Amino acid sequence: MRKALIGLAVSAMALSLGATPASADPAAVKQAVAADYDRHLEKLFLHFHANPELSFLETETAKRMAAELRDAGLEVTEGVGGTGVVGMARNGDGPLILLRADMDGLPMPEKTGLDYASTAMQTGLDGKEYPVMHACGHDVHITSMVGTARRLMEMKDDWAGTLMFVVQPAEERVGGAAAMLEDGLYDRFGTPDYALAFHVASILPTGKISASEGIQYSSADSVDIVVPGVGAHGASPHMGRDPVYIASQIVTAMQSIVSREIEPLSPAVITVGAFHSGTKHNIISDRAELQLTVRANDEDTRAQLLAAIERVAVNIGKAHGLPDELPVQVTVSEGTPVTNNDAKLARRLNSVMQRDLGEDVLIPWQQRGMGAEDFAYFVAEEYGVPGYYFAVGGTPQAAFDVAEAGGPPVPSHHSPLFKVAPRESVTLGTEAMVAAVLDLAPAE
């Protein structure tokens, strides 16, 4: 009788979550995830996409994620590292596995024309108002996390251990992971045995997964350069020191760092994303500001780039006669190390993906840009946590075929035209996370 009552309770919970009874069989998991998407996750994704929030300001997103994880049966702690949320699922003896999803949007207008496109506006940390868009797929990540939590809580007979669901702020500013760790994430909730995360990728076809057995993402550093000047009339440049001209020389000279100082087989990028100075045609300003993003594939090259940028900028200022009391100032305001997958763990879980999700689901990893991720902090060498970060395809193959035939190109991440197929992305990401947990934390 007791077993019958337990069975009825489990069935009732499954119905309340809008899903079929759980099973460790991959086909049954796929069916249950699809049903949950239709009944719950689709509406959740549409909500998140239409209501993005800026880095470290994800207040409403965090509240909703906390509520969703509580409804799934997790112990939830809010306000970790600012707006971060941690949900714990304890299920007997076994490994502690961290599952991470980032939740912030970007300060840019959405121009996709989608029915559910964001029209959100938000005041940023700098006090300025910005349009906000999920132009990098973080809405997919947090929706899938909810789906993963709901599914695994329905499958507690199939795994054993503890799951740490980390809803991370400010990935776009590569500051959220460090903030959560500085707030005692591992001291308060335990150092995980494994750390897992995924990113939806517009450059991969839907239905496909890709993960490296080594480097997954480059390092990234945001560098701010302030070039002082001596203001003067535009008709009398000899009376001042023109910061626009000096800063232009710095921009040009920095390109020689990659081409002439970094060895040819070591990838490196220095991009000047912003150049601000002046107020009027005929005024030589007394200040110019540059904003750079700097990328590398190893920590030695990263350090070499940053040191060279400071050397070049400061000495060009001196060469153009800036007085000692007005030096060029170089500051690294944000940064994240290279993200490396643990080779042994990656081989294991790549095999799991093929076994459980289909032999053809896995595409060999190919680095096609120098994107970065602050997931690197969770798996930093000092913690000894093996990490597995994988990409989930977000664009239907038909869109690639159209582009190949001369049609519109597939929009990149951080484009106002960025969009992914939400159903295919969310469901495959959820299935993959479930498969990984079941393999790493099998029930006795």
Protein backbone atom coordinates (compact mmCIF):
# COMPACT_ATOMS: atom_id res chain seq x y z
CA MET A 1 0.00 0.00 0.00
CA ARG A 2 2.84 2.39 0.93
CA LYS A 3 4.56 1.73 -2.44
CA ALA A 4 1.30 2.38 -4.23
CA LEU A 5 0.87 5.71 -2.45
CA ILE A 6 4.44 6.69 -3.31
CA GLY A 7 3.78 5.79 -6.92
CA LEU A 8 0.64 7.90 -6.98
CA ALA A 9 2.55 10.82 -5.44
CA VAL A 10 5.30 10.58 -8.05
CA SER A 11 2.72 10.42 -10.85
CA ALA A 12 0.93 13.43 -9.43
CA MET A 13 4.19 15.40 -9.31
CA ALA A 14 4.93 14.46 -12.91
CA LEU A 15 1.52 15.73 -13.97
CA SER A 16 2.00 18.93 -11.96
CA LEU A 17 5.24 19.59 -13.83
CA GLY A 18 3.53 18.88 -17.12
CA ALA A 19 5.78 15.93 -17.98
CA THR A 20 5.60 12.22 -18.52
CA PRO A 21 6.94 9.86 -15.83
CA ALA A 22 10.73 9.93 -15.75
CA SER A 23 13.00 7.21 -17.00
CA ALA A 24 16.75 6.87 -17.51
CA ASP A 25 16.08 5.61 -21.03
CA PRO A 26 17.33 8.36 -23.40
CA ALA A 27 14.25 8.08 -25.60
CA ALA A 28 11.98 8.54 -22.60
CA VAL A 29 14.06 11.52 -21.40
CA LYS A 30 13.78 13.10 -24.84
CA GLN A 31 10.01 12.62 -24.85
CA ALA A 32 9.65 14.04 -21.33
CA VAL A 33 11.80 17.09 -22.12
CA ALA A 34 9.78 17.79 -25.28
CA ALA A 35 6.53 17.55 -23.32
CA ASP A 36 7.87 19.88 -20.64
CA TYR A 37 8.92 22.38 -23.31
CA ASP A 38 5.43 22.43 -24.78
CA ARG A 39 3.72 22.80 -21.40
CA HIS A 40 6.07 25.05 -19.48
CA LEU A 41 9.50 25.86 -20.87
CA GLU A 42 8.35 27.59 -24.06
CA LYS A 43 6.43 30.22 -22.09
CA LEU A 44 9.39 30.61 -19.77
CA PHE A 45 11.79 31.17 -22.67
CA LEU A 46 9.50 33.76 -24.24
CA HIS A 47 9.31 35.58 -20.90
CA PHE A 48 13.08 35.65 -20.48
CA HIS A 49 13.71 36.72 -24.08
CA ALA A 50 11.26 39.61 -23.87
CA ASN A 51 12.54 40.77 -20.47
CA PRO A 52 16.37 40.81 -20.56
CA GLU A 53 18.39 42.61 -17.91
CA LEU A 54 21.90 44.06 -17.87
CA SER A 55 24.91 42.60 -16.07
CA PHE A 56 24.71 42.72 -12.25
CA LEU A 57 21.19 44.16 -12.62
CA GLU A 58 19.34 40.89 -13.33
CA THR A 59 16.99 41.37 -10.37
CA GLU A 60 13.74 40.14 -11.90
CA THR A 61 15.43 37.35 -13.83
CA ALA A 62 17.03 36.12 -10.62
CA LYS A 63 13.70 36.22 -8.77
CA ARG A 64 12.03 34.19 -11.50
CA MET A 65 14.86 31.65 -11.60
CA ALA A 66 14.75 31.29 -7.82
CA ALA A 67 11.00 30.66 -7.98
CA GLU A 68 11.36 28.13 -10.78
CA LEU A 69 14.08 26.19 -8.98
CA ARG A 70 12.08 26.19 -5.74
CA ASP A 71 9.04 24.90 -7.61
CA ALA A 72 11.20 22.09 -8.95
CA GLY A 73 12.05 21.07 -5.37
CA LEU A 74 15.50 22.63 -4.85
CA GLU A 75 16.88 24.46 -1.80
CA VAL A 76 17.46 27.99 -3.13
CA THR A 77 19.76 30.77 -1.94
CA GLU A 78 19.52 34.21 -3.54
CA GLY A 79 21.90 37.15 -3.61
CA VAL A 80 25.12 35.17 -4.12
CA GLY A 81 27.71 37.45 -5.71
CA GLY A 82 25.10 40.15 -6.26
CA THR A 83 22.12 38.80 -8.16
CA GLY A 84 23.37 35.19 -8.38
CA VAL A 85 21.16 32.28 -7.39
CA VAL A 86 22.18 28.84 -6.14
CA GLY A 87 19.81 25.87 -6.10
CA MET A 88 20.83 22.67 -4.32
CA ALA A 89 19.40 19.21 -4.99
CA ARG A 90 20.56 16.60 -2.47
CA ASN A 91 19.98 12.95 -3.23
CA GLY A 92 22.17 10.71 -1.09
CA ASP A 93 25.82 9.85 -1.40
CA GLY A 94 27.59 10.71 -4.63
CA PRO A 95 29.53 13.47 -6.37
CA LEU A 96 28.80 17.17 -6.12
CA ILE A 97 28.14 18.48 -9.63
CA LEU A 98 27.92 22.17 -10.53
CA LEU A 99 25.57 23.08 -13.39
CA ARG A 100 25.89 26.70 -14.46
CA ALA A 101 23.78 29.03 -16.61
CA ASP A 102 24.41 32.74 -17.19
CA MET A 103 21.46 35.13 -17.28
CA ASP A 104 22.44 38.66 -18.34
CA GLY A 105 21.53 40.45 -21.56
CA LEU A 106 23.36 43.05 -23.64
CA PRO A 107 22.95 46.85 -23.98
CA MET A 108 21.68 46.89 -27.56
CA PRO A 109 18.36 47.10 -29.43
CA GLU A 110 16.80 43.99 -30.91
CA LYS A 111 16.10 44.16 -34.65
CA THR A 112 15.06 40.57 -35.37
CA GLY A 113 11.41 41.36 -36.07
CA LEU A 114 10.36 38.39 -33.93
CA ASP A 115 6.90 38.53 -32.36
CA TYR A 116 8.53 38.17 -28.96
CA ALA A 117 11.42 40.58 -29.58
CA SER A 118 12.65 42.59 -26.63
CA THR A 119 11.67 46.22 -26.31
CA ALA A 120 13.15 46.47 -22.82
CA MET A 121 15.01 49.54 -21.61
CA GLN A 122 17.13 49.63 -18.47
CA THR A 123 19.41 52.05 -16.67
CA GLY A 124 22.90 50.56 -16.45
CA LEU A 125 25.45 50.73 -13.69
CA ASP A 126 26.82 53.88 -15.35
CA GLY A 127 23.50 55.68 -14.90
CA LYS A 128 22.70 55.72 -18.62
CA GLU A 129 19.60 54.15 -20.13
CA TYR A 130 20.04 51.39 -22.72
CA PRO A 131 17.90 49.12 -24.86
CA VAL A 132 18.49 45.53 -23.72
CA MET A 133 18.51 42.31 -25.74
CA HIS A 134 19.34 38.66 -25.21
CA ALA A 135 21.77 38.71 -28.14
CA CYS A 136 23.93 35.84 -26.91
CA GLY A 137 21.44 33.13 -25.98
CA HIS A 138 21.52 33.37 -22.19
CA ASP A 139 17.72 33.07 -22.25
CA VAL A 140 18.25 29.59 -23.71
CA HIS A 141 20.71 28.71 -20.95
CA ILE A 142 18.49 29.62 -18.00
CA THR A 143 15.40 28.07 -19.57
CA SER A 144 17.30 24.86 -20.13
CA MET A 145 18.56 24.94 -16.54
CA VAL A 146 14.97 24.98 -15.32
CA GLY A 147 14.18 22.09 -17.65
CA THR A 148 17.22 20.17 -16.39
CA ALA A 149 16.28 20.71 -12.74
CA ARG A 150 12.67 19.66 -13.31
CA ARG A 151 13.73 16.55 -15.19
CA LEU A 152 16.39 15.41 -12.73
CA MET A 153 14.12 15.95 -9.73
CA GLU A 154 11.68 13.61 -11.46
CA MET A 155 14.48 11.05 -11.90
CA LYS A 156 15.92 10.81 -8.39
CA ASP A 157 15.92 7.02 -8.59
CA ASP A 158 18.41 7.27 -11.47
CA TRP A 159 21.16 9.40 -9.89
CA ALA A 160 22.81 9.90 -6.52
CA GLY A 161 24.76 12.81 -5.10
CA THR A 162 24.29 16.57 -4.92
CA LEU A 163 23.60 19.03 -7.72
CA MET A 164 24.52 22.71 -7.46
CA PHE A 165 22.55 24.80 -9.95
CA VAL A 166 24.39 28.12 -10.35
CA VAL A 167 22.46 30.98 -11.97
CA GLN A 168 25.26 33.39 -12.73
CA PRO A 169 25.09 37.15 -13.30
CA ALA A 170 27.29 39.32 -15.50
CA GLU A 171 28.93 36.86 -17.86
CA GLU A 172 28.94 39.56 -20.51
CA ARG A 173 31.17 41.63 -18.25
CA VAL A 174 33.16 38.50 -17.30
CA GLY A 175 32.65 39.41 -13.66
CA GLY A 176 29.81 37.28 -12.36
CA ALA A 177 31.64 34.00 -11.80
CA ALA A 178 34.43 35.72 -9.85
CA ALA A 179 31.85 37.64 -7.81
CA MET A 180 30.05 34.45 -6.79
CA LEU A 181 33.31 32.76 -5.83
CA GLU A 182 34.40 35.83 -3.85
CA ASP A 183 31.06 35.62 -2.04
CA GLY A 184 32.02 32.15 -0.85
CA LEU A 185 30.28 29.94 -3.40
CA TYR A 186 32.54 26.95 -2.78
CA ASP A 187 32.95 27.65 0.94
CA ARG A 188 29.19 27.84 1.45
CA PHE A 189 27.96 25.13 -0.89
CA GLY A 190 31.00 22.88 -1.38
CA THR A 191 33.74 22.52 -3.99
CA PRO A 192 32.26 20.47 -6.82
CA ASP A 193 33.70 17.27 -8.20
CA TYR A 194 32.66 18.35 -11.69
CA ALA A 195 31.45 21.58 -13.32
CA LEU A 196 29.20 21.62 -16.40
CA ALA A 197 27.90 24.38 -18.66
CA PHE A 198 26.85 24.92 -22.26
CA HIS A 199 26.44 27.79 -24.70
CA VAL A 200 23.98 27.88 -27.54
CA ALA A 201 25.88 28.61 -30.76
CA SER A 202 24.43 30.31 -33.82
CA ILE A 203 27.28 28.93 -35.96
CA LEU A 204 26.26 25.31 -35.23
CA PRO A 205 23.24 23.59 -36.76
CA THR A 206 20.42 22.61 -34.45
CA GLY A 207 20.62 19.04 -33.24
CA LYS A 208 24.41 19.19 -32.93
CA ILE A 209 26.80 19.42 -29.97
CA SER A 210 30.50 20.27 -29.97
CA ALA A 211 33.07 20.25 -27.17
CA SER A 212 36.83 20.46 -27.09
CA GLU A 213 39.18 18.18 -25.20
CA GLY A 214 41.32 21.25 -24.44
CA ILE A 215 40.80 24.95 -25.03
CA GLN A 216 37.13 25.88 -25.44
CA TYR A 217 37.35 29.66 -25.21
CA SER A 218 40.03 32.34 -25.32
CA SER A 219 40.92 34.75 -22.55
CA ALA A 220 39.39 38.22 -22.68
CA ASP A 221 40.47 41.49 -21.11
CA SER A 222 38.79 44.88 -21.29
CA VAL A 223 41.46 47.60 -21.41
CA ASP A 224 40.75 51.30 -20.91
CA ILE A 225 43.30 53.84 -22.14
CA VAL A 226 43.04 57.50 -21.16
CA VAL A 227 45.14 59.83 -23.29
CA PRO A 228 45.50 63.29 -21.75
CA GLY A 229 46.12 66.32 -23.88
CA VAL A 230 46.66 70.03 -23.68
CA GLY A 231 43.60 71.81 -25.00
CA ALA A 232 43.89 74.53 -27.65
CA HIS A 233 42.11 76.19 -30.55
CA GLY A 234 41.79 73.97 -33.61
CA ALA A 235 43.43 76.73 -35.65
CA SER A 236 46.48 76.78 -33.36
CA PRO A 237 47.47 73.13 -32.80
CA HIS A 238 51.01 74.15 -31.90
CA MET A 239 49.66 75.68 -28.71
CA GLY A 240 48.50 72.34 -27.31
CA ARG A 241 49.00 68.59 -27.37
CA ASP A 242 46.29 66.89 -29.43
CA PRO A 243 44.99 63.72 -27.68
CA VAL A 244 43.06 62.64 -30.78
CA TYR A 245 46.23 62.51 -32.83
CA ILE A 246 48.19 60.80 -30.02
CA ALA A 247 45.43 58.23 -29.46
CA SER A 248 45.26 57.57 -33.21
CA GLN A 249 48.98 56.81 -33.19
CA ILE A 250 48.41 54.42 -30.28
CA VAL A 251 45.62 52.61 -32.15
CA THR A 252 47.85 52.16 -35.19
CA ALA A 253 50.94 51.13 -33.23
CA MET A 254 49.08 48.50 -31.20
CA GLN A 255 48.48 46.49 -34.35
CA SER A 256 52.22 45.90 -34.53
CA ILE A 257 52.08 44.04 -31.22
CA VAL A 258 50.19 41.14 -32.78
CA SER A 259 52.01 41.25 -36.11
CA ARG A 260 55.55 41.80 -34.81
CA GLU A 261 55.76 40.72 -31.16
CA ILE A 262 53.53 37.66 -30.80
CA GLU A 263 54.83 34.49 -32.40
CA PRO A 264 52.89 33.66 -35.58
CA LEU A 265 51.36 30.39 -34.31
CA SER A 266 49.93 31.97 -31.15
CA PRO A 267 46.48 33.49 -31.83
CA ALA A 268 45.98 37.00 -30.48
CA VAL A 269 43.54 39.87 -31.01
CA ILE A 270 43.65 43.53 -30.05
CA THR A 271 40.47 45.34 -31.05
CA VAL A 272 39.71 48.98 -30.31
CA GLY A 273 35.96 49.02 -29.82
CA ALA A 274 35.51 52.64 -28.81
CA PHE A 275 37.31 55.97 -29.34
CA HIS A 276 35.87 59.06 -27.65
CA SER A 277 37.17 62.61 -27.62
CA GLY A 278 36.19 66.18 -28.20
CA THR A 279 33.01 68.24 -28.40
CA LYS A 280 33.34 70.56 -31.40
CA HIS A 281 35.03 71.00 -34.79
CA ASN A 282 37.47 73.69 -33.81
CA ILE A 283 38.44 72.65 -30.27
CA ILE A 284 41.47 70.49 -29.54
CA SER A 285 40.32 68.41 -26.60
CA ASP A 286 42.31 67.74 -23.45
CA ARG A 287 41.34 64.05 -23.26
CA ALA A 288 40.76 61.00 -25.44
CA GLU A 289 39.52 57.60 -24.30
CA LEU A 290 40.02 54.21 -25.91
CA GLN A 291 38.28 50.95 -25.02
CA LEU A 292 39.90 47.71 -26.11
CA THR A 293 39.14 44.02 -26.01
CA VAL A 294 42.21 41.77 -25.93
CA ARG A 295 42.15 38.01 -26.62
CA ALA A 296 44.65 35.16 -26.31
CA ASN A 297 44.68 31.36 -26.19
CA ASP A 298 47.18 30.95 -23.38
CA GLU A 299 48.09 32.87 -20.26
CA ASP A 300 51.67 33.68 -21.34
CA THR A 301 50.45 35.37 -24.53
CA ARG A 302 47.75 37.13 -22.56
CA ALA A 303 50.31 38.62 -20.17
CA GLN A 304 52.61 39.60 -23.06
CA LEU A 305 49.79 41.44 -24.85
CA LEU A 306 48.75 43.43 -21.79
CA ALA A 307 52.31 44.44 -20.97
CA ALA A 308 52.99 45.49 -24.57
CA ILE A 309 49.80 47.57 -24.79
CA GLU A 310 50.83 49.57 -21.72
CA ARG A 311 54.38 50.01 -22.97
CA VAL A 312 53.31 51.21 -26.41
CA ALA A 313 50.57 53.55 -25.16
CA VAL A 314 52.62 55.20 -22.43
CA ASN A 315 55.69 55.71 -24.58
CA ILE A 316 53.79 57.08 -27.57
CA GLY A 317 52.39 59.66 -25.18
CA LYS A 318 55.91 60.57 -24.14
CA ALA A 319 57.11 60.66 -27.74
CA HIS A 320 54.46 63.27 -28.54
CA GLY A 321 55.52 65.53 -25.72
CA LEU A 322 53.01 64.82 -22.99
CA PRO A 323 54.49 66.16 -19.74
CA ASP A 324 55.42 63.73 -16.96
CA GLU A 325 52.49 64.90 -14.87
CA LEU A 326 50.08 63.92 -17.68
CA PRO A 327 50.98 60.32 -18.56
CA VAL A 328 48.84 58.01 -20.66
CA GLN A 329 46.90 55.76 -18.26
CA VAL A 330 46.22 52.08 -19.05
CA THR A 331 43.80 50.07 -16.91
CA VAL A 332 42.51 46.50 -17.22
CA SER A 333 38.92 46.84 -16.02
CA GLU A 334 37.57 43.34 -16.66
CA GLY A 335 39.09 40.01 -17.58
CA THR A 336 38.77 36.26 -17.65
CA PRO A 337 41.34 33.51 -18.24
CA VAL A 338 41.34 30.93 -21.00
CA THR A 339 38.58 28.32 -20.58
CA ASN A 340 39.97 24.81 -20.86
CA ASN A 341 37.96 21.60 -20.73
CA ASP A 342 39.35 18.74 -18.70
CA ALA A 343 40.54 16.33 -21.40
CA LYS A 344 39.56 13.12 -19.61
CA LEU A 345 36.13 14.43 -18.66
CA ALA A 346 35.53 15.81 -22.16
CA ARG A 347 36.34 12.46 -23.78
CA ARG A 348 34.01 10.70 -21.37
CA LEU A 349 31.07 13.05 -21.80
CA ASN A 350 31.50 13.43 -25.56
CA SER A 351 31.07 9.65 -25.72
CA VAL A 352 28.00 9.93 -23.49
CA MET A 353 26.47 12.48 -25.86
CA GLN A 354 26.92 10.11 -28.81
CA ARG A 355 25.65 7.14 -26.84
CA ASP A 356 22.54 8.81 -25.45
CA LEU A 357 21.68 11.52 -27.96
CA GLY A 358 22.74 9.91 -31.24
CA GLU A 359 25.95 8.89 -32.93
CA ASP A 360 25.82 11.88 -35.30
CA VAL A 361 25.05 14.50 -32.62
CA LEU A 362 28.71 15.33 -31.99
CA ILE A 363 30.64 17.67 -34.29
CA PRO A 364 34.43 17.89 -33.77
CA TRP A 365 35.30 21.13 -31.97
CA GLN A 366 36.78 23.86 -34.13
CA GLN A 367 37.73 27.24 -32.75
CA ARG A 368 36.35 29.77 -35.23
CA GLY A 369 36.79 32.94 -33.23
CA MET A 370 38.20 34.18 -29.95
CA GLY A 371 35.11 34.36 -27.82
CA ALA A 372 35.59 34.16 -24.06
CA GLU A 373 33.78 32.80 -21.02
CA ASP A 374 34.13 33.45 -17.29
CA PHE A 375 33.16 29.82 -16.59
CA ALA A 376 36.97 29.57 -16.43
CA TYR A 377 36.86 30.86 -12.85
CA PHE A 378 34.77 27.90 -11.65
CA VAL A 379 37.41 25.47 -12.96
CA ALA A 380 40.51 27.48 -12.09
CA GLU A 381 43.60 25.44 -11.27
CA GLU A 382 43.45 26.45 -7.61
CA TYR A 383 40.16 24.59 -7.16
CA GLY A 384 41.05 21.42 -9.06
CA VAL A 385 37.53 21.08 -10.50
CA PRO A 386 37.32 19.24 -13.85
CA GLY A 387 35.14 21.21 -16.25
CA TYR A 388 33.11 20.34 -19.33
CA TYR A 389 31.80 23.23 -21.43
CA PHE A 390 30.02 22.39 -24.67
CA ALA A 391 28.25 24.15 -27.51
CA VAL A 392 24.66 23.40 -28.57
CA GLY A 393 23.57 24.20 -32.11
CA GLY A 394 21.07 27.02 -32.37
CA THR A 395 20.47 27.67 -36.08
CA PRO A 396 18.46 25.35 -38.36
CA GLN A 397 20.44 23.83 -41.21
CA ALA A 398 18.06 25.46 -43.68
CA ALA A 399 19.36 28.89 -42.69
CA PHE A 400 22.92 27.81 -43.46
CA ASP A 401 21.77 26.43 -46.81
CA VAL A 402 20.12 29.75 -47.68
CA ALA A 403 23.26 31.66 -46.73
CA GLU A 404 25.41 29.29 -48.79
CA ALA A 405 23.17 29.95 -51.79
CA GLY A 406 23.74 33.69 -51.52
CA GLY A 407 20.95 34.57 -49.12
CA PRO A 408 21.17 36.46 -45.83
CA PRO A 409 24.07 35.37 -43.61
CA VAL A 410 23.40 33.72 -40.28
CA PRO A 411 23.63 36.52 -37.67
CA SER A 412 26.45 36.28 -35.18
CA HIS A 413 26.26 36.53 -31.43
CA HIS A 414 26.02 40.13 -30.18
CA SER A 415 24.27 41.15 -33.38
CA PRO A 416 20.91 42.98 -33.14
CA LEU A 417 19.69 40.32 -35.60
CA PHE A 418 20.82 37.38 -33.44
CA LYS A 419 18.24 34.66 -33.01
CA VAL A 420 18.20 30.93 -32.40
CA ALA A 421 15.58 28.21 -32.67
CA PRO A 422 14.44 28.11 -29.03
CA ARG A 423 12.72 24.72 -28.95
CA GLU A 424 15.60 22.84 -30.56
CA SER A 425 18.21 24.68 -28.47
CA VAL A 426 16.50 24.39 -25.10
CA THR A 427 15.51 20.75 -25.47
CA LEU A 428 18.88 19.50 -26.73
CA GLY A 429 20.74 21.46 -24.04
CA THR A 430 18.46 19.93 -21.41
CA GLU A 431 18.84 16.41 -22.73
CA ALA A 432 22.63 16.82 -22.81
CA MET A 433 22.82 18.11 -19.23
CA VAL A 434 20.61 15.28 -17.99
CA ALA A 435 22.73 12.71 -19.82
CA ALA A 436 25.92 14.13 -18.31
CA VAL A 437 24.57 14.08 -14.75
CA LEU A 438 23.22 10.53 -15.05
CA ASP A 439 26.62 9.33 -16.24
CA LEU A 440 28.66 11.19 -13.61
CA ALA A 441 26.35 10.44 -10.68
CA PRO A 442 24.75 7.04 -11.30
CA ALA A 443 22.42 5.56 -8.67
CA GLU A 444 23.69 2.53 -6.76
